[in-house]
Protein backbone atom coordinates (compact mmCIF):
# COMPACT_ATOMS: atom_id res chain seq x y z
CA MET A 1 -29.61 11.97 -19.38
CA THR A 2 -26.42 11.17 -21.25
CA ASP A 3 -24.31 11.44 -18.12
CA ALA A 4 -26.54 8.94 -16.32
CA SER A 5 -26.40 6.45 -19.17
CA GLU A 6 -22.61 6.83 -19.46
CA ALA A 7 -22.22 6.29 -15.72
CA ASN A 8 -24.46 3.23 -15.96
CA LYS A 9 -22.41 1.85 -18.85
CA GLU A 10 -19.17 2.38 -16.91
CA ARG A 11 -20.71 0.69 -13.86
CA ASN A 12 -21.71 -2.29 -16.02
CA ARG A 13 -18.20 -2.51 -17.45
CA GLU A 14 -16.73 -2.53 -13.95
CA ILE A 15 -19.15 -5.27 -12.88
CA ALA A 16 -18.17 -7.31 -15.97
CA ARG A 17 -14.46 -6.93 -15.16
CA ASN A 18 -15.07 -8.06 -11.58
CA GLU A 19 -17.08 -11.09 -12.72
CA GLU A 20 -14.33 -12.03 -15.18
CA ALA A 21 -11.73 -11.88 -12.40
CA LYS A 22 -13.91 -14.12 -10.22
CA GLN A 23 -14.27 -16.65 -13.06
CA VAL A 24 -10.51 -16.75 -13.65
CA THR A 25 -9.84 -17.25 -9.94
CA GLY A 26 -12.44 -20.02 -9.77
CA SER A 27 -11.01 -21.75 -12.82
CA ILE A 28 -7.49 -21.67 -11.39
CA ARG A 29 -8.76 -23.08 -8.09
CA VAL A 30 -10.58 -25.94 -9.87
CA SER A 31 -7.52 -26.66 -12.02
CA SER A 32 -5.28 -26.81 -8.95
CA TRP A 33 -7.60 -29.31 -7.27
CA ALA A 34 -7.75 -31.40 -10.46
CA VAL A 35 -3.95 -31.53 -10.69
CA ALA A 36 -3.68 -32.48 -7.01
CA VAL A 37 -6.22 -35.30 -7.42
CA VAL A 38 -4.43 -36.64 -10.50
CA VAL A 39 -1.06 -36.59 -8.69
CA ILE A 40 -2.51 -38.44 -5.69
CA ILE A 41 -4.26 -41.06 -7.83
CA GLY A 42 -1.13 -41.45 -9.96
CA GLY A 43 0.97 -41.98 -6.84
CA ILE A 44 -1.42 -44.62 -5.54
CA LEU A 45 -1.48 -46.45 -8.87
CA PHE A 46 2.30 -46.25 -9.19
CA THR A 47 2.72 -47.69 -5.68
CA LEU A 48 0.27 -50.50 -6.37
CA GLY A 49 2.00 -51.31 -9.64
CA TRP A 50 5.41 -51.27 -8.01
CA LEU A 51 4.22 -53.57 -5.23
CA ALA A 52 2.67 -55.94 -7.78
CA VAL A 53 5.94 -56.17 -9.73
CA ARG A 54 7.93 -56.91 -6.58
């Protein structure tokens, strides 16, 4: 019985590690998109401002 519960605990730990890795990957992907959107919007606003000053 102890071997089965230990194996189950190890399996749960492995699942938790995999889920954590998926969360980190997802967070990095979302952050990358957020940075890209900010850069694009910033470029558009900069261009509009520059054109308005000219």
